[in-house]
Amino acid sequence: MLQSPQSLKTTLSSGELRRVHHIALNVHDMQASRHFYGTILGLHELTGDEVPATLVDLVAQGKVANFITPDGTILDLFWEPDLPPPDPNPERTFTRAYHLAFDIAPELFEQAVEVIRQNQIAIAHGPVTRPTGRGVYFYDPDGFMIEIRCDPE
């Protein structure tokens, strides 16, 4: 049965959008990005039957890599070999997205900062302490800003 135009909903109600399903990033160097997100940041890379059926062929071709966070959010990396390099000054790189933030337990925050330093990843800002918690900002291999943050102790 068709609804009349007057009875169609024009807004979603609170709670109808359940969660962020995935975040997709274009990357220039797939191997460097897989190492960064999988090895350095410790996200689980989906393989075999874990890969969504819609992406199996692209993963097999090396054009996509999928990672999952402990809360179930999927991070899709799409290989774009012609992606222009980021501006040498990452603060001038234009994007509509500002950064991707990962949450960590407060007792593990300093360890995360040390992992970033041990991997010689330049810290763009921080670590900082705010009323909302602590955070450290740095860039992935393609110049996208990443934050690791924790709630206040």
N, C-alpha and C. Protein backbone atom coordinates (compact mmCIF):
# COMPACT_ATOMS: atom_id res chain seq x y z
N MET A 1 0.84 -1.18 0.00
CA MET A 1 0.00 0.00 0.00
C MET A 1 0.89 1.25 0.00
N LEU A 2 0.65 2.16 -0.91
CA LEU A 2 1.43 3.39 -1.00
C LEU A 2 0.93 4.41 0.00
N GLN A 3 1.89 5.16 0.55
CA GLN A 3 1.51 6.22 1.47
C GLN A 3 1.29 7.51 0.68
N SER A 4 0.39 8.32 1.15
CA SER A 4 0.20 9.61 0.51
C SER A 4 1.37 10.51 0.88
N PRO A 5 1.72 11.47 0.01
CA PRO A 5 2.85 12.36 0.31
C PRO A 5 2.72 13.06 1.66
N GLN A 6 1.49 13.33 2.09
CA GLN A 6 1.30 14.01 3.37
C GLN A 6 1.66 13.13 4.56
N SER A 7 1.61 11.79 4.39
CA SER A 7 1.88 10.91 5.52
C SER A 7 3.32 10.40 5.56
N LEU A 8 4.16 10.77 4.58
CA LEU A 8 5.55 10.32 4.57
C LEU A 8 6.34 11.03 5.67
N LYS A 9 7.20 10.28 6.33
CA LYS A 9 8.06 10.88 7.36
C LYS A 9 9.08 11.79 6.70
N THR A 10 9.37 12.90 7.33
CA THR A 10 10.38 13.82 6.79
C THR A 10 11.61 13.89 7.66
N THR A 11 11.62 13.18 8.78
CA THR A 11 12.79 13.13 9.66
C THR A 11 12.92 11.73 10.25
N LEU A 12 14.13 11.41 10.65
CA LEU A 12 14.36 10.17 11.39
C LEU A 12 14.26 10.48 12.87
N SER A 13 13.75 9.55 13.61
CA SER A 13 13.62 9.73 15.05
C SER A 13 14.91 9.35 15.75
N SER A 14 15.11 9.90 16.92
CA SER A 14 16.27 9.56 17.73
C SER A 14 16.33 8.06 17.94
N GLY A 15 17.49 7.48 17.69
CA GLY A 15 17.68 6.05 17.88
C GLY A 15 17.45 5.20 16.64
N GLU A 16 16.90 5.79 15.58
CA GLU A 16 16.68 5.00 14.36
C GLU A 16 17.99 4.70 13.64
N LEU A 17 18.92 5.65 13.64
CA LEU A 17 20.26 5.36 13.15
C LEU A 17 20.98 4.68 14.30
N ARG A 18 21.40 3.43 14.09
CA ARG A 18 21.88 2.61 15.20
C ARG A 18 23.33 2.86 15.57
N ARG A 19 24.21 3.02 14.57
CA ARG A 19 25.63 3.19 14.85
C ARG A 19 26.34 3.57 13.56
N VAL A 20 27.58 3.97 13.66
CA VAL A 20 28.40 4.15 12.47
C VAL A 20 28.75 2.76 11.97
N HIS A 21 28.44 2.45 10.74
CA HIS A 21 28.72 1.13 10.19
C HIS A 21 30.16 1.03 9.71
N HIS A 22 30.60 1.99 8.90
CA HIS A 22 31.97 1.95 8.41
C HIS A 22 32.46 3.35 8.08
N ILE A 23 33.75 3.45 8.00
CA ILE A 23 34.44 4.67 7.58
C ILE A 23 35.33 4.25 6.42
N ALA A 24 35.28 4.98 5.32
CA ALA A 24 36.09 4.64 4.15
C ALA A 24 37.13 5.73 3.92
N LEU A 25 38.37 5.31 3.78
CA LEU A 25 39.47 6.24 3.49
C LEU A 25 40.16 5.83 2.20
N ASN A 26 40.48 6.80 1.36
CA ASN A 26 41.31 6.54 0.19
C ASN A 26 42.77 6.60 0.63
N VAL A 27 43.57 5.64 0.18
CA VAL A 27 44.98 5.59 0.56
C VAL A 27 45.85 5.45 -0.69
N HIS A 28 47.02 6.04 -0.65
CA HIS A 28 47.96 5.98 -1.77
C HIS A 28 48.82 4.72 -1.71
N ASP A 29 49.29 4.38 -0.52
CA ASP A 29 50.18 3.23 -0.34
C ASP A 29 49.47 2.22 0.56
N MET A 30 48.89 1.21 -0.06
CA MET A 30 48.09 0.24 0.69
C MET A 30 48.93 -0.49 1.73
N GLN A 31 50.14 -0.90 1.38
CA GLN A 31 50.97 -1.64 2.34
C GLN A 31 51.30 -0.79 3.56
N ALA A 32 51.68 0.47 3.33
CA ALA A 32 51.99 1.35 4.46
C ALA A 32 50.76 1.57 5.33
N SER A 33 49.60 1.72 4.70
CA SER A 33 48.37 1.94 5.46
C SER A 33 47.94 0.69 6.21
N ARG A 34 48.09 -0.48 5.60
CA ARG A 34 47.76 -1.73 6.31
C ARG A 34 48.68 -1.90 7.52
N HIS A 35 49.96 -1.58 7.35
CA HIS A 35 50.91 -1.67 8.47
C HIS A 35 50.51 -0.69 9.58
N PHE A 36 50.19 0.53 9.19
CA PHE A 36 49.83 1.57 10.16
C PHE A 36 48.60 1.17 10.97
N TYR A 37 47.50 0.83 10.29
CA TYR A 37 46.26 0.53 11.00
C TYR A 37 46.27 -0.85 11.65
N GLY A 38 46.89 -1.82 11.00
CA GLY A 38 46.88 -3.19 11.52
C GLY A 38 47.96 -3.46 12.54
N THR A 39 49.20 -3.12 12.21
CA THR A 39 50.32 -3.44 13.09
C THR A 39 50.51 -2.39 14.18
N ILE A 40 50.62 -1.12 13.77
CA ILE A 40 50.91 -0.07 14.76
C ILE A 40 49.70 0.20 15.65
N LEU A 41 48.52 0.41 15.05
CA LEU A 41 47.33 0.71 15.86
C LEU A 41 46.61 -0.54 16.35
N GLY A 42 46.97 -1.71 15.84
CA GLY A 42 46.44 -2.96 16.37
C GLY A 42 45.01 -3.30 15.98
N LEU A 43 44.50 -2.72 14.89
CA LEU A 43 43.16 -3.08 14.45
C LEU A 43 43.21 -4.44 13.75
N HIS A 44 42.15 -5.21 13.90
CA HIS A 44 42.07 -6.53 13.28
C HIS A 44 41.71 -6.39 11.80
N GLU A 45 42.56 -6.94 10.92
CA GLU A 45 42.25 -6.92 9.48
C GLU A 45 41.36 -8.11 9.15
N LEU A 46 40.27 -7.84 8.45
CA LEU A 46 39.36 -8.90 8.05
C LEU A 46 39.97 -9.70 6.92
N THR A 47 39.89 -11.03 7.04
CA THR A 47 40.41 -11.92 6.01
C THR A 47 39.42 -13.06 5.79
N GLY A 48 39.58 -13.76 4.68
CA GLY A 48 38.76 -14.93 4.41
C GLY A 48 37.28 -14.65 4.50
N ASP A 49 36.57 -15.47 5.27
CA ASP A 49 35.12 -15.34 5.40
C ASP A 49 34.69 -14.09 6.17
N GLU A 50 35.63 -13.41 6.82
CA GLU A 50 35.28 -12.18 7.55
C GLU A 50 35.02 -11.02 6.60
N VAL A 51 35.59 -11.06 5.40
CA VAL A 51 35.45 -9.97 4.43
C VAL A 51 34.00 -9.92 3.94
N PRO A 52 33.38 -8.72 3.95
CA PRO A 52 32.01 -8.63 3.44
C PRO A 52 31.94 -9.16 2.00
N ALA A 53 30.89 -9.91 1.70
CA ALA A 53 30.74 -10.53 0.38
C ALA A 53 30.82 -9.51 -0.75
N THR A 54 30.36 -8.30 -0.49
CA THR A 54 30.37 -7.27 -1.53
C THR A 54 31.78 -6.77 -1.85
N LEU A 55 32.75 -7.08 -0.99
CA LEU A 55 34.11 -6.58 -1.20
C LEU A 55 35.14 -7.67 -1.47
N VAL A 56 34.72 -8.93 -1.50
CA VAL A 56 35.66 -10.04 -1.65
C VAL A 56 36.55 -9.87 -2.88
N ASP A 57 35.96 -9.55 -4.03
CA ASP A 57 36.76 -9.41 -5.25
C ASP A 57 37.76 -8.26 -5.14
N LEU A 58 37.34 -7.13 -4.59
CA LEU A 58 38.24 -5.99 -4.45
C LEU A 58 39.38 -6.28 -3.48
N VAL A 59 39.08 -7.01 -2.41
CA VAL A 59 40.12 -7.40 -1.46
C VAL A 59 41.10 -8.34 -2.15
N ALA A 60 40.59 -9.31 -2.90
CA ALA A 60 41.45 -10.27 -3.60
C ALA A 60 42.36 -9.57 -4.61
N GLN A 61 41.89 -8.48 -5.19
CA GLN A 61 42.68 -7.71 -6.16
C GLN A 61 43.64 -6.73 -5.48
N GLY A 62 43.59 -6.65 -4.16
CA GLY A 62 44.46 -5.73 -3.43
C GLY A 62 44.00 -4.29 -3.47
N LYS A 63 42.75 -4.05 -3.88
CA LYS A 63 42.24 -2.69 -3.99
C LYS A 63 41.55 -2.19 -2.73
N VAL A 64 41.22 -3.11 -1.82
CA VAL A 64 40.54 -2.75 -0.58
C VAL A 64 41.10 -3.60 0.55
N ALA A 65 41.23 -2.99 1.72
CA ALA A 65 41.54 -3.72 2.95
C ALA A 65 40.51 -3.28 3.98
N ASN A 66 40.05 -4.22 4.79
CA ASN A 66 39.03 -3.93 5.80
C ASN A 66 39.57 -4.24 7.19
N PHE A 67 39.34 -3.32 8.11
CA PHE A 67 39.71 -3.51 9.51
C PHE A 67 38.46 -3.33 10.35
N ILE A 68 38.49 -3.90 11.55
CA ILE A 68 37.35 -3.75 12.45
C ILE A 68 37.86 -3.31 13.82
N THR A 69 37.12 -2.39 14.41
CA THR A 69 37.45 -1.93 15.76
C THR A 69 36.74 -2.84 16.76
N PRO A 70 37.15 -2.82 18.02
CA PRO A 70 36.49 -3.68 19.01
C PRO A 70 34.99 -3.43 19.14
N ASP A 71 34.52 -2.22 18.79
CA ASP A 71 33.07 -1.96 18.89
C ASP A 71 32.32 -2.35 17.62
N GLY A 72 33.03 -2.90 16.63
CA GLY A 72 32.38 -3.38 15.42
C GLY A 72 32.37 -2.41 14.25
N THR A 73 32.92 -1.22 14.42
CA THR A 73 32.99 -0.28 13.30
C THR A 73 34.02 -0.77 12.29
N ILE A 74 33.66 -0.73 11.03
CA ILE A 74 34.55 -1.17 9.96
C ILE A 74 35.30 0.03 9.40
N LEU A 75 36.59 -0.14 9.20
CA LEU A 75 37.42 0.86 8.52
C LEU A 75 37.82 0.26 7.18
N ASP A 76 37.33 0.85 6.09
CA ASP A 76 37.66 0.38 4.75
C ASP A 76 38.74 1.27 4.17
N LEU A 77 39.82 0.67 3.68
CA LEU A 77 40.87 1.40 2.99
C LEU A 77 40.75 1.08 1.51
N PHE A 78 40.60 2.11 0.69
CA PHE A 78 40.48 1.95 -0.75
C PHE A 78 41.76 2.46 -1.41
N TRP A 79 42.44 1.57 -2.12
CA TRP A 79 43.71 1.92 -2.76
C TRP A 79 43.44 2.81 -3.97
N GLU A 80 44.02 3.99 -3.92
CA GLU A 80 43.93 4.97 -5.00
C GLU A 80 45.35 5.36 -5.37
N PRO A 81 46.01 4.60 -6.28
CA PRO A 81 47.42 4.87 -6.58
C PRO A 81 47.67 6.26 -7.16
N ASP A 82 46.65 6.88 -7.74
CA ASP A 82 46.82 8.22 -8.31
C ASP A 82 46.43 9.33 -7.33
N LEU A 83 46.19 8.97 -6.09
CA LEU A 83 45.83 9.96 -5.07
C LEU A 83 46.98 10.94 -4.94
N PRO A 84 46.71 12.24 -5.08
CA PRO A 84 47.81 13.19 -4.96
C PRO A 84 48.38 13.18 -3.55
N PRO A 85 49.67 13.48 -3.43
CA PRO A 85 50.26 13.49 -2.08
C PRO A 85 49.64 14.60 -1.24
N PRO A 86 49.64 14.40 0.06
CA PRO A 86 49.11 15.46 0.92
C PRO A 86 50.02 16.68 0.87
N ASP A 87 49.47 17.82 1.20
CA ASP A 87 50.26 19.05 1.28
C ASP A 87 51.38 18.83 2.30
N PRO A 88 52.58 19.33 2.03
CA PRO A 88 53.66 19.17 3.01
C PRO A 88 53.29 19.71 4.39
N ASN A 89 52.42 20.70 4.42
CA ASN A 89 51.90 21.21 5.69
C ASN A 89 50.52 20.59 5.88
N PRO A 90 50.42 19.52 6.68
CA PRO A 90 49.13 18.82 6.79
C PRO A 90 47.99 19.69 7.28
N GLU A 91 48.29 20.79 7.95
CA GLU A 91 47.22 21.66 8.43
C GLU A 91 46.56 22.41 7.29
N ARG A 92 47.20 22.45 6.11
CA ARG A 92 46.62 23.14 4.96
C ARG A 92 45.88 22.19 4.03
N THR A 93 45.93 20.90 4.28
CA THR A 93 45.24 19.94 3.43
C THR A 93 43.74 20.11 3.62
N PHE A 94 43.02 20.32 2.52
CA PHE A 94 41.58 20.52 2.61
C PHE A 94 40.85 19.19 2.61
N THR A 95 39.99 19.04 3.52
CA THR A 95 39.09 17.90 3.56
C THR A 95 37.88 18.30 4.38
N ARG A 96 36.78 17.66 4.13
CA ARG A 96 35.59 17.94 4.93
C ARG A 96 35.62 17.17 6.24
N ALA A 97 36.40 16.13 6.30
CA ALA A 97 36.57 15.39 7.55
C ALA A 97 37.78 15.96 8.27
N TYR A 98 37.68 16.13 9.58
CA TYR A 98 38.79 16.72 10.33
C TYR A 98 39.74 15.65 10.86
N HIS A 99 39.21 14.63 11.52
CA HIS A 99 40.06 13.56 12.02
C HIS A 99 39.23 12.33 12.38
N LEU A 100 39.93 11.22 12.55
CA LEU A 100 39.34 9.96 12.96
C LEU A 100 39.85 9.69 14.37
N ALA A 101 38.94 9.54 15.33
CA ALA A 101 39.34 9.39 16.73
C ALA A 101 39.07 7.97 17.21
N PHE A 102 40.09 7.39 17.83
CA PHE A 102 39.97 6.07 18.45
C PHE A 102 39.99 6.26 19.96
N ASP A 103 39.11 5.55 20.66
CA ASP A 103 39.02 5.62 22.11
C ASP A 103 39.89 4.51 22.71
N ILE A 104 40.55 4.84 23.81
CA ILE A 104 41.38 3.85 24.51
C ILE A 104 41.13 4.00 26.01
N ALA A 105 41.33 2.95 26.76
CA ALA A 105 41.16 3.02 28.22
C ALA A 105 42.19 4.00 28.79
N PRO A 106 41.80 4.80 29.78
CA PRO A 106 42.73 5.78 30.34
C PRO A 106 44.07 5.18 30.79
N GLU A 107 44.05 3.97 31.34
CA GLU A 107 45.29 3.37 31.82
C GLU A 107 46.22 2.95 30.68
N LEU A 108 45.73 2.94 29.45
CA LEU A 108 46.55 2.56 28.30
C LEU A 108 46.97 3.76 27.45
N PHE A 109 46.53 4.96 27.83
CA PHE A 109 46.80 6.14 27.01
C PHE A 109 48.30 6.39 26.84
N GLU A 110 49.04 6.43 27.93
CA GLU A 110 50.49 6.70 27.84
C GLU A 110 51.20 5.64 27.01
N GLN A 111 50.77 4.39 27.11
CA GLN A 111 51.35 3.32 26.30
C GLN A 111 51.11 3.60 24.82
N ALA A 112 49.92 4.06 24.46
CA ALA A 112 49.62 4.38 23.06
C ALA A 112 50.51 5.51 22.56
N VAL A 113 50.72 6.53 23.39
CA VAL A 113 51.61 7.63 23.00
C VAL A 113 53.02 7.10 22.76
N GLU A 114 53.48 6.23 23.62
CA GLU A 114 54.82 5.66 23.47
C GLU A 114 54.93 4.81 22.20
N VAL A 115 53.89 4.07 21.86
CA VAL A 115 53.90 3.29 20.61
C VAL A 115 54.04 4.22 19.41
N ILE A 116 53.32 5.32 19.42
CA ILE A 116 53.43 6.30 18.33
C ILE A 116 54.86 6.81 18.23
N ARG A 117 55.44 7.17 19.36
CA ARG A 117 56.82 7.68 19.37
C ARG A 117 57.81 6.61 18.92
N GLN A 118 57.65 5.39 19.40
CA GLN A 118 58.58 4.31 19.04
C GLN A 118 58.55 4.01 17.54
N ASN A 119 57.42 4.27 16.91
CA ASN A 119 57.31 4.06 15.47
C ASN A 119 57.67 5.31 14.68
N GLN A 120 58.24 6.28 15.37
CA GLN A 120 58.72 7.53 14.77
C GLN A 120 57.63 8.24 13.96
N ILE A 121 56.43 8.22 14.50
CA ILE A 121 55.31 8.94 13.91
C ILE A 121 55.28 10.31 14.58
N ALA A 122 55.37 11.34 13.76
CA ALA A 122 55.38 12.70 14.30
C ALA A 122 54.04 13.02 14.95
N ILE A 123 54.10 13.55 16.15
CA ILE A 123 52.89 13.96 16.86
C ILE A 123 52.57 15.39 16.44
N ALA A 124 51.37 15.59 15.92
CA ALA A 124 50.95 16.91 15.45
C ALA A 124 50.53 17.82 16.60
N HIS A 125 49.91 17.22 17.63
CA HIS A 125 49.42 18.01 18.75
C HIS A 125 49.25 17.09 19.95
N GLY A 126 49.76 17.56 21.07
CA GLY A 126 49.55 16.80 22.30
C GLY A 126 50.77 16.03 22.72
N PRO A 127 50.56 15.18 23.69
CA PRO A 127 49.29 14.86 24.35
C PRO A 127 48.72 16.08 25.09
N VAL A 128 47.40 16.18 25.06
CA VAL A 128 46.70 17.27 25.72
C VAL A 128 45.72 16.69 26.74
N THR A 129 45.48 17.47 27.79
CA THR A 129 44.49 17.10 28.80
C THR A 129 43.41 18.17 28.79
N ARG A 130 42.18 17.72 28.68
CA ARG A 130 41.03 18.62 28.65
C ARG A 130 39.99 18.08 29.64
N PRO A 131 38.95 18.86 29.92
CA PRO A 131 37.89 18.33 30.79
C PRO A 131 37.24 17.07 30.22
N THR A 132 37.27 16.91 28.89
CA THR A 132 36.66 15.75 28.25
C THR A 132 37.57 14.54 28.22
N GLY A 133 38.83 14.70 28.62
CA GLY A 133 39.78 13.59 28.62
C GLY A 133 41.12 13.99 28.05
N ARG A 134 41.89 12.99 27.64
CA ARG A 134 43.22 13.23 27.09
C ARG A 134 43.22 12.83 25.62
N GLY A 135 44.09 13.47 24.84
CA GLY A 135 44.17 13.14 23.43
C GLY A 135 45.55 13.40 22.87
N VAL A 136 45.88 12.69 21.81
CA VAL A 136 47.11 12.91 21.06
C VAL A 136 46.74 12.80 19.58
N TYR A 137 47.30 13.70 18.77
CA TYR A 137 46.94 13.79 17.36
C TYR A 137 48.18 13.55 16.51
N PHE A 138 48.02 12.76 15.44
CA PHE A 138 49.12 12.45 14.54
C PHE A 138 48.51 12.09 13.18
N TYR A 139 49.36 11.84 12.19
CA TYR A 139 48.86 11.61 10.83
C TYR A 139 49.14 10.18 10.36
N ASP A 140 48.19 9.64 9.58
CA ASP A 140 48.42 8.33 8.96
C ASP A 140 49.33 8.52 7.75
N PRO A 141 49.71 7.44 7.05
CA PRO A 141 50.65 7.58 5.93
C PRO A 141 50.15 8.48 4.80
N ASP A 142 48.84 8.73 4.72
CA ASP A 142 48.31 9.61 3.67
C ASP A 142 48.00 11.01 4.17
N GLY A 143 48.42 11.33 5.38
CA GLY A 143 48.22 12.68 5.90
C GLY A 143 46.87 12.93 6.54
N PHE A 144 46.10 11.88 6.82
CA PHE A 144 44.81 12.05 7.48
C PHE A 144 45.04 12.07 8.99
N MET A 145 44.47 13.05 9.67
CA MET A 145 44.70 13.18 11.10
C MET A 145 43.98 12.09 11.88
N ILE A 146 44.73 11.48 12.80
CA ILE A 146 44.21 10.45 13.69
C ILE A 146 44.34 10.96 15.12
N GLU A 147 43.36 10.66 15.94
CA GLU A 147 43.43 10.98 17.37
C GLU A 147 43.27 9.68 18.15
N ILE A 148 44.07 9.54 19.18
CA ILE A 148 43.81 8.52 20.20
C ILE A 148 43.44 9.31 21.44
N ARG A 149 42.27 8.99 22.01
CA ARG A 149 41.76 9.75 23.14
C ARG A 149 41.23 8.80 24.21
N CYS A 150 41.14 9.34 25.42
CA CYS A 150 40.55 8.57 26.52
C CYS A 150 39.70 9.50 27.36
N ASP A 151 38.78 8.92 28.09
CA ASP A 151 37.96 9.67 29.03
C ASP A 151 38.83 10.10 30.20
N PRO A 152 38.39 11.11 30.96
CA PRO A 152 39.15 11.49 32.16
C PRO A 152 39.19 10.32 33.14
N GLU A 153 40.27 10.25 33.89
CA GLU A 153 40.38 9.17 34.89
C GLU A 153 39.56 9.50 36.11
